Protein backbone atom coordinates (compact mmCIF):
# COMPACT_ATOMS: atom_id res chain seq x y z
CA MET A 1 -15.95 -0.91 -13.23
CA THR A 2 -12.37 -1.60 -12.25
CA ARG A 3 -11.48 -0.71 -8.70
CA THR A 4 -8.43 1.42 -8.43
CA THR A 5 -5.90 0.91 -5.71
CA THR A 6 -6.17 4.56 -4.77
CA ASP A 7 -9.44 4.10 -2.99
CA GLN A 8 -10.48 0.45 -2.87
CA PRO A 9 -9.21 -2.48 -0.84
CA ALA A 10 -7.46 -5.49 -2.20
CA ARG A 11 -9.86 -7.62 -0.22
CA SER A 12 -12.94 -6.73 1.78
CA ALA A 13 -12.13 -4.98 5.03
CA SER A 14 -14.08 -6.22 8.05
CA GLY A 15 -15.99 -3.92 10.38
CA ALA A 16 -13.30 -4.46 12.99
CA VAL A 17 -10.61 -2.58 11.03
CA VAL A 18 -11.41 0.84 12.46
CA PRO A 19 -11.59 -0.12 16.17
CA VAL A 20 -8.52 -2.35 15.84
CA LEU A 21 -6.40 0.36 14.23
CA ALA A 22 -7.69 2.94 16.72
CA PHE A 23 -6.81 0.56 19.57
CA ALA A 24 -3.29 0.25 18.16
CA GLY A 25 -3.02 4.04 18.11
CA ILE A 26 -4.21 4.25 21.71
CA ALA A 27 -1.73 1.55 22.79
CA VAL A 28 1.09 3.50 21.17
CA ALA A 29 -0.04 6.81 22.70
CA VAL A 30 0.08 5.24 26.17
CA MET A 31 3.88 5.45 25.87
CA GLN A 32 3.59 9.26 25.97
CA THR A 33 2.08 9.49 29.47
CA LEU A 34 3.02 6.13 30.92
CA LEU A 35 5.61 7.55 33.31
CA VAL A 36 3.92 10.86 34.16
CA PRO A 37 2.71 9.60 37.60
CA VAL A 38 6.27 8.61 38.60
CA ILE A 39 8.27 11.44 36.96
CA LYS A 40 9.25 13.01 40.26
CA ASP A 41 10.38 9.63 41.63
CA LEU A 42 12.49 8.55 38.63
CA PRO A 43 15.85 9.78 40.04
CA GLN A 44 15.33 7.68 43.15
CA LEU A 45 13.94 4.67 41.27
CA LEU A 46 16.86 4.64 38.81
CA HIS A 47 19.53 5.69 41.34
CA THR A 48 20.63 8.68 39.29
CA ALA A 49 20.59 12.49 39.21
CA PRO A 50 17.39 14.30 38.13
CA SER A 51 19.10 15.65 34.99
CA ASN A 52 19.98 12.10 33.92
CA ALA A 53 16.51 10.74 34.71
CA THR A 54 14.91 13.11 32.21
CA TRP A 55 16.55 11.10 29.42
CA VAL A 56 14.00 8.37 30.10
CA LEU A 57 11.37 10.72 28.66
CA THR A 58 13.56 12.53 26.13
CA SER A 59 14.74 9.29 24.48
CA THR A 60 11.17 8.25 23.68
CA LEU A 61 10.40 11.64 22.20
CA LEU A 62 13.50 11.64 19.98
CA SER A 63 13.05 8.09 18.68
CA GLY A 64 9.36 8.74 17.99
CA ALA A 65 10.17 11.86 16.00
CA VAL A 66 12.78 10.00 13.94
CA ALA A 67 10.66 6.89 13.38
CA THR A 68 7.40 8.58 12.36
CA PRO A 69 8.33 9.85 8.85
CA ILE A 70 10.63 6.89 8.19
CA MET A 71 8.01 4.25 9.02
CA GLY A 72 5.49 6.17 6.96
CA ARG A 73 7.73 6.00 3.89
CA LEU A 74 8.55 2.32 4.49
CA GLY A 75 4.83 1.65 4.70
CA ASP A 76 4.23 3.36 1.36
CA LEU A 77 6.96 1.24 -0.23
CA TYR A 78 6.58 -2.19 1.38
CA GLY A 79 3.14 -2.32 2.99
CA LYS A 80 1.55 -0.26 5.76
CA ARG A 81 0.16 -3.25 7.68
CA ARG A 82 3.58 -4.89 7.66
CA MET A 83 5.26 -1.75 9.04
CA LEU A 84 2.48 -1.25 11.60
CA ILE A 85 3.11 -4.71 13.00
CA ALA A 86 6.86 -4.09 12.98
CA SER A 87 6.35 -0.81 14.93
CA LEU A 88 4.21 -2.54 17.53
CA ALA A 89 6.69 -5.40 17.85
CA VAL A 90 9.56 -2.99 18.53
CA MET A 91 7.40 -1.30 21.17
CA VAL A 92 6.73 -4.62 22.90
CA VAL A 93 10.44 -5.46 22.99
CA GLY A 94 11.23 -2.03 24.41
CA ALA A 95 8.54 -2.32 27.08
CA LEU A 96 9.81 -5.73 28.20
CA ILE A 97 13.37 -4.40 28.43
CA SER A 98 12.20 -1.52 30.64
CA ALA A 99 10.08 -3.88 32.74
CA VAL A 100 13.05 -5.88 34.00
CA THR A 101 15.60 -3.17 34.82
CA ASP A 102 16.47 -0.43 37.31
CA ASP A 103 19.59 0.55 35.36
CA LEU A 104 19.42 3.97 33.72
CA ILE A 105 21.16 3.06 30.44
CA THR A 106 19.10 -0.10 29.95
CA MET A 107 15.92 1.82 30.75
CA ILE A 108 16.80 4.48 28.14
CA VAL A 109 17.38 1.74 25.55
CA GLY A 110 13.95 0.28 26.30
CA ARG A 111 12.25 3.65 26.18
CA THR A 112 13.97 4.49 22.88
CA LEU A 113 12.55 1.33 21.33
CA GLN A 114 9.10 2.18 22.68
CA GLY A 115 9.24 5.53 20.90
CA PHE A 116 9.59 3.82 17.52
CA ALA A 117 5.94 2.80 17.77
CA MET A 118 4.80 6.38 17.10
CA GLY A 119 4.92 5.57 13.39
CA ALA A 120 1.79 3.47 13.92
CA ILE A 121 -0.48 6.55 13.83
CA PRO A 122 0.24 7.64 10.22
CA LEU A 123 0.41 4.00 9.12
CA GLY A 124 -3.07 3.40 10.53
CA ILE A 125 -4.42 6.48 8.75
CA GLY A 126 -2.86 5.27 5.49
CA LEU A 127 -4.39 1.81 5.91
CA MET A 128 -7.79 3.35 6.45
CA ARG A 129 -7.52 5.38 3.26
CA ASP A 130 -6.43 2.36 1.27
CA THR A 131 -8.89 -0.24 2.63
CA LEU A 132 -12.09 1.53 3.68
CA PRO A 133 -14.96 2.78 1.49
CA ARG A 134 -15.03 6.54 1.29
CA GLU A 135 -18.32 6.94 3.19
CA LYS A 136 -16.64 5.49 6.32
CA LEU A 137 -13.29 7.20 5.90
CA GLY A 138 -13.96 10.55 7.56
CA SER A 139 -14.94 9.30 11.03
CA ALA A 140 -12.35 6.49 10.86
CA MET A 141 -9.41 8.81 10.20
CA ALA A 142 -10.74 11.22 12.82
CA LEU A 143 -10.72 8.48 15.45
CA MET A 144 -7.23 7.32 14.43
CA SER A 145 -5.84 10.83 14.48
CA SER A 146 -7.38 11.50 17.90
CA SER A 147 -6.09 8.21 19.33
CA ILE A 148 -2.80 9.87 20.32
CA GLY A 149 -4.73 12.15 22.66
CA VAL A 150 -7.21 9.49 23.72
CA GLY A 151 -4.45 7.09 24.74
CA GLY A 152 -2.53 9.80 26.53
CA GLY A 153 -5.60 10.97 28.46
CA LEU A 154 -6.84 7.53 29.46
CA ALA A 155 -3.37 6.33 30.44
CA LEU A 156 -2.98 8.98 33.14
CA PRO A 157 -5.50 7.60 35.68
CA ALA A 158 -4.67 3.98 34.84
CA ALA A 159 -0.93 4.56 35.23
CA ALA A 160 -1.51 6.52 38.44
CA LEU A 161 -3.56 3.67 39.90
CA VAL A 162 -0.89 1.10 39.04
CA ALA A 163 1.96 3.29 40.30
CA GLN A 164 0.15 3.95 43.58
CA HIS A 165 -0.70 0.33 44.38
CA ALA A 166 1.90 -1.84 42.59
CA ASP A 167 5.54 -1.93 41.56
CA TRP A 168 6.16 0.70 38.88
CA HIS A 169 7.59 -1.91 36.49
CA ALA A 170 4.02 -3.21 36.09
CA LEU A 171 3.40 -0.17 33.88
CA PHE A 172 5.72 -1.62 31.25
CA TYR A 173 4.27 -5.11 31.48
CA GLY A 174 0.85 -3.58 30.87
CA ALA A 175 2.15 -1.63 27.85
CA ALA A 176 3.72 -4.79 26.43
CA GLY A 177 0.42 -6.61 26.85
CA LEU A 178 -1.42 -3.89 24.95
CA GLY A 179 1.16 -4.15 22.16
CA VAL A 180 0.84 -7.93 21.87
CA LEU A 181 -2.96 -7.68 21.78
CA SER A 182 -2.75 -5.00 19.08
CA ILE A 183 -0.47 -7.16 16.94
CA ALA A 184 -2.80 -10.16 17.25
CA LEU A 185 -5.90 -8.14 16.37
CA THR A 186 -4.15 -6.48 13.43
CA LEU A 187 -3.05 -9.84 12.02
CA LEU A 188 -6.59 -11.20 12.33
CA THR A 189 -8.67 -8.31 11.04
CA VAL A 190 -6.67 -5.72 9.07
CA PRO A 191 -5.93 -6.38 5.37
CA GLU A 192 -2.72 -5.19 3.77
CA SER A 193 -2.93 -2.07 1.65
CA PRO A 194 -2.82 -2.71 -2.11
CA MET A 195 -1.13 0.65 -2.71
CA ARG A 196 2.64 0.81 -3.19
CA ALA A 197 4.81 3.78 -3.99
CA GLU A 198 7.37 3.53 -6.75
CA GLY A 199 11.10 3.76 -6.04
CA THR A 200 13.40 2.57 -3.28
CA PHE A 201 13.97 3.59 0.32
CA ASP A 202 16.09 6.72 0.66
CA LEU A 203 18.58 5.52 3.32
CA LEU A 204 20.80 8.59 3.10
CA GLY A 205 17.75 10.83 3.41
CA ALA A 206 16.58 8.88 6.46
CA LEU A 207 19.96 9.29 8.13
CA GLY A 208 20.05 13.01 7.31
CA LEU A 209 16.53 13.63 8.61
CA SER A 210 17.25 11.60 11.76
CA ALA A 211 20.38 13.60 12.48
CA GLY A 212 18.62 16.90 11.84
CA LEU A 213 15.67 16.03 14.08
CA VAL A 214 17.88 14.87 16.93
CA LEU A 215 19.99 18.05 16.67
CA LEU A 216 16.79 20.14 16.69
CA LEU A 217 14.75 18.39 19.37
CA LEU A 218 17.61 17.75 21.78
CA PRO A 219 18.20 21.43 22.65
CA ILE A 220 14.42 22.04 22.67
CA THR A 221 13.89 19.37 25.32
CA LYS A 222 17.10 19.97 27.31
CA GLY A 223 17.55 23.71 26.82
CA SER A 224 16.08 24.58 30.22
CA ASP A 225 18.65 22.29 31.89
CA TRP A 226 21.63 23.40 29.80
CA GLY A 227 20.67 27.06 29.54
CA TRP A 228 19.08 28.57 26.43
CA SER A 229 22.10 30.76 25.76
CA SER A 230 24.69 28.08 26.49
CA GLY A 231 27.19 27.07 23.83
CA THR A 232 25.79 23.52 23.71
CA THR A 233 22.21 24.66 23.08
CA LEU A 234 23.10 27.28 20.46
CA GLY A 235 25.61 24.96 18.81
CA LEU A 236 23.05 22.16 18.43
CA PHE A 237 20.45 24.56 17.02
CA SER A 238 22.99 25.84 14.48
CA ALA A 239 24.00 22.31 13.52
CA ALA A 240 20.31 21.36 13.12
CA VAL A 241 19.72 24.23 10.69
CA ALA A 242 22.81 23.30 8.65
CA VAL A 243 21.98 19.57 8.51
CA LEU A 244 18.31 20.09 7.64
CA LEU A 245 19.17 22.59 4.88
CA LEU A 246 21.67 20.15 3.33
CA TRP A 247 19.13 17.35 3.70
CA GLY A 248 16.49 19.45 1.94
CA VAL A 249 18.81 20.22 -0.99
CA MET A 250 19.60 16.51 -1.33
CA GLU A 251 15.92 15.47 -1.17
CA LEU A 252 14.98 17.91 -3.92
CA ARG A 253 17.48 16.25 -6.26
CA LEU A 254 16.27 12.69 -5.73
CA LYS A 255 13.65 10.97 -7.87
CA ALA A 256 12.35 8.94 -4.90
CA PRO A 257 13.03 11.03 -1.77
CA LEU A 258 12.11 10.08 1.77
CA VAL A 259 9.91 13.20 1.95
CA ASP A 260 8.61 14.87 -1.20
CA LEU A 261 9.41 18.46 -0.27
CA ARG A 262 7.62 19.80 -3.34
CA THR A 263 4.42 18.19 -2.12
CA THR A 264 5.13 19.40 1.41
CA ALA A 265 5.51 22.96 0.11
CA ARG A 266 1.99 22.97 -1.34
CA ARG A 267 -0.10 25.61 0.37
CA GLU A 268 -2.61 23.17 1.84
CA VAL A 269 0.04 20.76 3.17
CA LEU A 270 2.37 23.46 4.51
CA LEU A 271 -0.34 25.41 6.35
CA THR A 272 -1.84 22.21 7.76
CA ASN A 273 1.54 21.15 9.13
CA LEU A 274 2.13 24.59 10.68
CA ALA A 275 -1.32 24.49 12.26
CA SER A 276 -0.49 20.99 13.56
CA ILE A 277 2.47 22.38 15.51
CA MET A 278 0.18 24.89 17.22
CA VAL A 279 -2.41 22.20 18.05
CA GLY A 280 0.39 20.07 19.52
CA VAL A 281 1.49 22.99 21.70
CA SER A 282 -2.04 23.56 22.99
CA PHE A 283 -2.65 19.86 23.68
CA TYR A 284 0.39 19.41 25.88
CA VAL A 285 -0.16 22.52 28.03
CA VAL A 286 -3.27 21.13 29.70
CA SER A 287 -1.48 17.80 30.28
CA LEU A 288 1.32 19.62 32.11
CA VAL A 289 -0.70 22.16 34.10
CA LEU A 290 -3.87 20.50 35.41
CA PRO A 291 -2.28 17.40 37.05
CA GLN A 292 0.14 19.63 38.98
CA LEU A 293 -2.61 22.04 40.05
CA LEU A 294 -4.78 19.16 41.24
CA GLN A 295 -2.02 17.50 43.29
CA LEU A 296 -0.55 20.58 44.96
CA PRO A 297 -1.49 20.72 48.67
CA THR A 298 -4.27 23.09 49.75
CA ALA A 299 -1.78 24.76 52.09
CA THR A 300 -0.42 26.65 49.08
CA GLY A 301 -3.70 28.57 48.91
CA TYR A 302 -4.48 27.47 45.36
CA GLY A 303 -3.58 23.76 45.19
CA LEU A 304 -6.54 21.37 45.13
CA GLY A 305 -4.98 18.65 47.30
CA GLN A 306 -6.10 15.65 45.24
CA SER A 307 -4.42 12.24 45.07
CA MET A 308 -2.51 11.03 42.03
CA VAL A 309 -5.42 8.82 40.96
CA VAL A 310 -8.09 11.51 41.39
CA ALA A 311 -5.94 13.96 39.44
CA GLY A 312 -5.71 11.45 36.60
CA LEU A 313 -9.48 10.90 36.64
CA CYS A 314 -10.11 14.66 36.46
CA VAL A 315 -7.92 14.93 33.35
CA ALA A 316 -9.23 11.69 31.75
CA PRO A 317 -12.27 13.45 30.16
CA LEU A 318 -9.76 15.15 27.86
CA GLY A 319 -9.12 11.83 26.11
CA LEU A 320 -12.69 10.55 26.36
CA THR A 321 -14.11 13.69 24.77
CA MET A 322 -11.58 13.46 21.95
CA MET A 323 -12.75 9.90 21.25
CA PHE A 324 -16.46 10.80 21.20
CA THR A 325 -15.76 13.81 18.97
CA ALA A 326 -14.84 11.61 15.98
CA PRO A 327 -18.42 10.89 14.77
CA VAL A 328 -19.36 14.56 15.33
CA TYR A 329 -16.40 15.58 13.19
CA ALA A 330 -17.48 13.20 10.41
CA ARG A 331 -20.89 14.86 10.16
CA LEU A 332 -19.49 18.39 10.27
CA SER A 333 -16.74 17.63 7.77
CA ALA A 334 -19.15 15.94 5.36
CA ARG A 335 -21.25 19.09 5.31
CA TYR A 336 -18.71 21.89 5.66
CA GLY A 337 -15.28 20.36 4.94
CA PRO A 338 -12.21 19.68 7.14
CA LYS A 339 -11.03 23.30 6.96
CA VAL A 340 -14.17 24.49 8.74
CA THR A 341 -13.92 21.76 11.38
CA LEU A 342 -10.27 22.68 12.02
CA ILE A 343 -11.25 26.33 12.50
CA LEU A 344 -14.14 25.32 14.77
CA GLY A 345 -11.85 23.07 16.82
CA LEU A 346 -9.29 25.82 17.29
CA LEU A 347 -12.01 28.25 18.39
CA VAL A 348 -13.28 25.74 20.97
CA ILE A 349 -9.72 25.26 22.27
CA ALA A 350 -9.31 29.03 22.60
CA VAL A 351 -12.58 29.28 24.54
CA GLY A 352 -11.48 26.38 26.75
CA TYR A 353 -8.18 27.99 27.70
CA ALA A 354 -9.70 31.46 28.12
CA GLY A 355 -12.41 30.04 30.36
CA GLY A 356 -9.89 27.85 32.15
CA LEU A 357 -8.10 30.96 33.44
CA GLY A 358 -11.02 31.40 35.84
CA LEU A 359 -11.77 27.72 36.45
CA MET A 360 -8.89 26.66 38.68
CA SER A 361 -10.38 26.75 42.17
CA ALA A 362 -12.11 23.34 42.36
CA ALA A 363 -11.61 19.83 40.98
CA TRP A 364 -14.93 19.88 39.12
CA GLN A 365 -13.82 23.03 37.29
CA THR A 366 -10.77 21.22 35.91
CA VAL A 367 -13.13 18.52 34.59
CA VAL A 368 -15.12 21.20 32.74
CA THR A 369 -11.90 22.58 31.27
CA SER A 370 -10.77 19.08 30.23
CA VAL A 371 -14.08 18.39 28.47
CA MET A 372 -14.01 21.70 26.60
CA LEU A 373 -10.39 21.31 25.53
CA GLY A 374 -10.92 17.66 24.60
CA ALA A 375 -13.77 18.61 22.26
CA GLY A 376 -11.71 21.30 20.55
CA ILE A 377 -8.52 19.26 20.28
CA GLY A 378 -10.54 16.28 19.04
CA LEU A 379 -12.06 18.35 16.22
CA ALA A 380 -8.69 19.85 15.31
CA TYR A 381 -6.79 16.55 15.37
CA SER A 382 -9.54 14.85 13.37
CA SER A 383 -9.33 17.47 10.63
CA LEU A 384 -5.57 17.21 10.06
CA PRO A 385 -5.34 13.82 8.26
CA ALA A 386 -8.31 14.67 6.03
CA LEU A 387 -6.58 17.87 4.92
CA ILE A 388 -3.30 16.02 4.29
CA VAL A 389 -4.86 13.03 2.51
CA GLY A 390 -6.88 15.35 0.29
CA ALA A 391 -3.73 17.18 -0.82
CA VAL A 392 -1.28 14.35 -1.62
CA PRO A 393 -1.26 11.36 -3.99
CA ALA A 394 -2.48 8.09 -2.49
CA SER A 395 1.00 6.55 -2.80
CA GLU A 396 2.40 9.24 -0.46
CA THR A 397 -0.24 8.96 2.29
CA GLY A 398 1.99 7.21 4.83
CA ALA A 399 4.95 9.56 4.45
CA ALA A 400 2.76 12.70 4.38
CA ASN A 401 0.80 11.72 7.49
CA GLY A 402 4.06 10.68 9.13
CA LEU A 403 5.41 14.17 8.58
CA ASN A 404 2.17 15.66 9.92
CA THR A 405 2.40 13.51 13.06
CA LEU A 406 6.00 14.66 13.41
CA MET A 407 4.80 18.28 13.34
CA ARG A 408 2.47 17.54 16.23
CA SER A 409 5.35 15.94 18.13
CA ILE A 410 7.47 19.03 17.55
CA GLY A 411 4.59 21.08 18.93
CA THR A 412 4.41 18.99 22.11
CA SER A 413 8.21 19.20 22.46
CA VAL A 414 8.17 22.98 22.18
CA SER A 415 5.26 23.10 24.62
CA SER A 416 7.08 20.93 27.14
CA ALA A 417 10.22 23.08 26.96
CA VAL A 418 8.45 26.47 27.08
CA ILE A 419 5.91 25.59 29.78
CA GLY A 420 8.58 23.85 31.84
CA MET A 421 10.69 27.00 31.68
CA VAL A 422 7.71 29.22 32.59
CA LEU A 423 6.71 27.09 35.58
CA ALA A 424 10.33 26.91 36.78
CA ASN A 425 10.91 30.67 36.49
CA THR A 426 7.65 31.56 38.26
CA ALA A 427 7.94 28.92 41.01
CA ASP A 428 8.23 29.67 44.73
CA HIS A 429 11.16 27.98 46.47
CA VAL A 430 10.28 26.61 49.91
CA GLY A 431 12.87 24.60 51.79
CA GLY A 432 14.83 24.00 48.59
CA THR A 433 11.73 22.72 46.77
CA ALA A 434 10.30 24.55 43.74
CA ILE A 435 6.52 24.89 43.94
CA PRO A 436 4.64 26.01 40.81
CA THR A 437 2.51 29.11 41.29
CA MET A 438 -0.94 30.08 40.10
CA HIS A 439 0.69 32.89 38.12
CA GLY A 440 2.78 30.29 36.25
CA PHE A 441 -0.29 28.19 35.51
CA ARG A 442 -2.18 31.18 34.09
CA VAL A 443 0.78 32.31 31.98
CA SER A 444 0.92 28.76 30.57
CA PHE A 445 -2.76 28.94 29.62
CA LEU A 446 -2.16 32.31 27.94
CA ILE A 447 0.72 30.83 25.94
CA ALA A 448 -1.58 28.02 24.80
CA THR A 449 -4.20 30.58 23.78
CA GLY A 450 -1.56 32.45 21.76
CA ALA A 451 -0.51 29.22 20.01
CA VAL A 452 -4.15 28.53 19.13
CA ALA A 453 -4.49 32.04 17.70
CA LEU A 454 -1.51 31.41 15.41
CA GLY A 455 -3.00 28.06 14.39
CA LEU A 456 -6.28 29.79 13.61
CA ILE A 457 -4.52 32.19 11.26
CA MET A 458 -2.96 29.21 9.43
CA ALA A 459 -6.34 27.49 9.18
CA LEU A 460 -8.04 30.60 7.79
CA LEU A 461 -5.39 30.80 5.06
CA LEU A 462 -6.09 27.23 3.90
CA PRO A 463 -7.82 26.84 0.52
CA GLY A 464 -11.58 26.46 0.68
CA ARG A 465 -13.51 23.31 -0.15
CA ARG A 466 -12.59 21.71 -3.43
CA PRO A 467 -15.10 21.78 -6.25
CA ALA A 468 -17.35 18.80 -6.69
CA ALA A 469 -15.16 17.47 -9.53
CA THR A 470 -12.40 16.49 -7.13
CA VAL A 471 -12.24 13.54 -4.78
CA GLN A 472 -14.22 14.00 -1.56
CA LEU A 473 -13.01 12.22 1.58
CA VAL A 474 -16.43 11.86 3.17
CA ALA A 475 -19.75 10.97 1.56
CA SER A 476 -23.06 11.36 3.32
CA SER A 477 -24.23 7.92 2.20
CA GLU A 478 -23.05 4.85 0.36
CA GLU A 479 -25.10 5.89 -2.67
CA ASP A 480 -23.32 9.26 -2.79
CA ALA A 481 -19.96 7.51 -2.56
CA ASN A 482 -20.81 5.17 -5.43
CA LEU A 483 -21.96 8.13 -7.54
CA GLU A 484 -18.68 9.94 -6.84
CA ARG A 485 -16.66 6.91 -7.93
CA ALA A 486 -18.66 6.66 -11.15
CA GLU A 487 -18.11 10.35 -11.86
CA GLU A 488 -14.38 10.02 -11.22
CA VAL A 489 -14.06 7.25 -13.80
CA LEU A 490 -15.91 9.40 -16.32
CA ARG A 491 -13.23 12.06 -15.81
CA GLY A 492 -10.16 9.91 -16.27
CA PHE A 493 -8.63 7.27 -18.53
CA ARG A 494 -10.11 3.89 -19.27
CA GLY A 495 -9.42 1.08 -21.64
CA ARG A 496 -7.94 -2.41 -21.75
CA VAL A 497 -4.49 -3.88 -21.28
CA LEU A 498 -3.80 -6.27 -24.14
CA SER A 499 -0.93 -8.38 -25.35
CA ALA A 500 0.63 -7.70 -28.76
CA ASP A 501 -1.77 -10.22 -30.35
CA GLY A 502 -4.85 -8.69 -28.69
CA VAL A 503 -5.30 -11.09 -25.75
CA PRO A 504 -6.51 -9.37 -22.51
CA VAL A 505 -3.85 -9.15 -19.79
CA ALA A 506 -5.26 -9.59 -16.28
CA ARG A 507 -3.61 -8.31 -13.08
CA ALA A 508 -1.41 -5.83 -14.95
CA LYS A 509 -0.40 -2.83 -12.87
CA VAL A 510 -1.46 0.43 -14.52
CA THR A 511 0.04 3.65 -13.14
CA LEU A 512 -0.92 7.27 -13.81
CA ILE A 513 2.03 9.72 -13.76
CA ASP A 514 1.58 13.50 -13.78
CA ARG A 515 3.68 16.15 -15.50
CA ARG A 516 6.12 16.29 -12.55
CA GLY A 517 6.85 12.60 -12.72
CA ARG A 518 4.82 11.78 -9.61
CA GLN A 519 2.35 8.94 -9.29
CA ALA A 520 -1.19 10.36 -9.44
CA GLY A 521 -3.05 7.05 -9.32
CA ALA A 522 -2.74 3.31 -9.82
CA THR A 523 -4.93 0.29 -10.47
CA VAL A 524 -4.80 -3.36 -11.50
CA SER A 525 -6.51 -4.57 -14.65
CA SER A 526 -9.47 -6.91 -14.25
CA GLU A 527 -9.83 -10.40 -15.71
CA ASP A 528 -10.93 -8.98 -19.08
CA GLY A 529 -7.97 -6.59 -19.11
CA SER A 530 -10.07 -3.48 -18.45
CA TYR A 531 -8.88 -0.65 -16.21
CA ALA A 532 -10.09 2.79 -15.16
CA LEU A 533 -8.08 5.65 -13.65
CA ALA A 534 -9.45 8.94 -12.31
CA VAL A 535 -7.45 12.12 -12.92
CA PRO A 536 -6.85 14.70 -10.16
CA GLY A 537 -7.04 17.57 -12.66
CA ALA A 538 -6.55 18.67 -16.23
CA GLY A 539 -3.16 18.27 -17.87
CA PRO A 540 -0.74 15.91 -19.60
CA TYR A 541 -0.22 12.43 -18.14
CA VAL A 542 1.68 9.24 -18.82
CA VAL A 543 -0.20 5.96 -18.39
CA ALA A 544 2.26 3.13 -17.77
CA ALA A 545 1.50 -0.58 -17.60
CA LYS A 546 3.54 -3.61 -16.66
CA ALA A 547 2.79 -7.28 -16.16
CA THR A 548 4.70 -10.48 -15.64
CA GLY A 549 5.98 -11.85 -18.92
CA PHE A 550 5.62 -8.59 -20.82
CA ALA A 551 7.85 -5.57 -21.38
CA PRO A 552 6.64 -2.35 -19.68
CA LEU A 553 4.75 0.19 -21.79
CA ALA A 554 4.17 3.93 -21.27
CA SER A 555 1.74 6.04 -23.30
CA ALA A 556 1.43 9.83 -23.14
CA ALA A 557 -2.05 11.37 -23.13
CA THR A 558 -3.78 14.59 -22.11
CA HIS A 559 -7.04 14.98 -20.19
CA SER A 560 -9.02 18.21 -19.89
CA GLY A 561 -10.18 17.34 -16.36
CA GLY A 562 -13.95 17.76 -16.67
CA GLU A 563 -14.67 15.87 -19.89
CA PRO A 564 -15.59 12.17 -20.30
CA ALA A 565 -12.94 9.50 -19.94
CA VAL A 566 -10.21 9.23 -22.54
CA GLU A 567 -10.20 5.78 -24.13
CA LEU A 568 -6.66 4.43 -24.06
CA ASP A 569 -5.84 0.79 -24.75
CA LEU A 570 -2.37 -0.38 -23.76
CA SER A 571 -0.77 -3.08 -25.90
CA LEU A 572 2.10 -4.74 -24.03
CA PRO A 573 4.98 -6.03 -26.17
CA ALA A 574 6.46 -9.43 -25.43
CA GLN A 575 9.22 -9.57 -22.84
CA THR A 576 12.63 -9.57 -24.51
CA VAL A 577 15.33 -11.64 -22.88
CA SER A 578 18.96 -10.90 -23.73
CA ALA A 579 21.20 -13.82 -24.55
């Protein structure tokens, strides 16, 4: 049976692929919390005003938001492994720039480059789909999706320890080292994806999306400094709406857009992305509240008086629990589906925040809250790529997961802005210093609970599990996975690619195109010219083939969806060369 490029690797993937890709995701996520232990000291360290120092964090957020969907699309077109390595390399360069400077502008340049690495998360998920057998895919994607939280959680105590006992520039040298190690391991163990999307890179679309995202996220992150009703903030929001609307109109008219908005508008994709925003909001609240509560002096009457390192260790279980949740998710998803695991994760998050309202009086109580929230966020994050991958063609995996990761980033941005505003407006001012209050912390937890409730509504509206005739992301055993693959081939097209004189054509690329002109599958013919393509559903299709030395050929055919495979031989005419 011919292996299709939609679900089989070009060459055998080693057992190290999953941990290596997850390690890359963790290394990238470290950038998110790397400077949290020294945030309050940044103005002094960079010899600038506090309002200017915040650009060190904002620049990373903006570049990450811009890079994530763009790198996902580039990965679909030119190779996900190649773009993953490029993302990590840019991160390393950015970290080294930041490691050798105390100048604000140079530091912002370095941090901007570090943000470009955020595209590694969707690229890793795409590589897993393209190179791993289906029975291993569920837990692998869950771990990769959770790596953004795992890295952020584990980086807090490590960064705090370094910042407390060494020069703060060592943080960047450590990040660069993680990046170099990730590149080396990826080169040694991760195969390139055989899947490629058709078309060219939409440069104008990339520029339009970049401009729209910057115009949107800039007032979200700086609105509390500029004033939410200021002309600058409102003007940027208005410009963002105008640019993104024009960008959307342009994307809908292109044959090969940066983001397929028609796919994005599908019920399953749209609701998953909206739920992702809410999960991102809930994730960042605990990261903002608990470290401050733990480090506030006991003289306030509610602060827990812990050191920077102890505070980081108390929050670290958030990331550790997310990591250990991945295999639990795989079992639950295999039995009940990713929709159920997303709902379960959101319910656990809600319980964690509701219980956390009364668990703020001792350090051990914050550990309990971190574990509970880590379990819920881990389940929710793990479910998101499975829902996206199950709803889009294989050739759009990178771009679709890039957009989903962007939605999470927007959620964390909104969370940072809203919670920052709440804590600032409820703070007590003592000797010119703003001290967060317990009331502010509890309001923040209530906001997170409200965001989770909205996410739960989105999850409940998602379509139920697909019928057995469609592709399942997780199989309970290798035998089940092999049976599914055999059944898929019996519900698709199969035949041989031949030359005009009947000679089998090996290594010909055979593409399945649906009624909307989108790629629904692809494969490469075997040595005897045979191929097999599964169909995602009933309807008319075009099966196109091309090979070196032959003219391309496209044949129209219809498949009823549940019947045996349609036999369709493709006879390639000789390549004509004009004089």
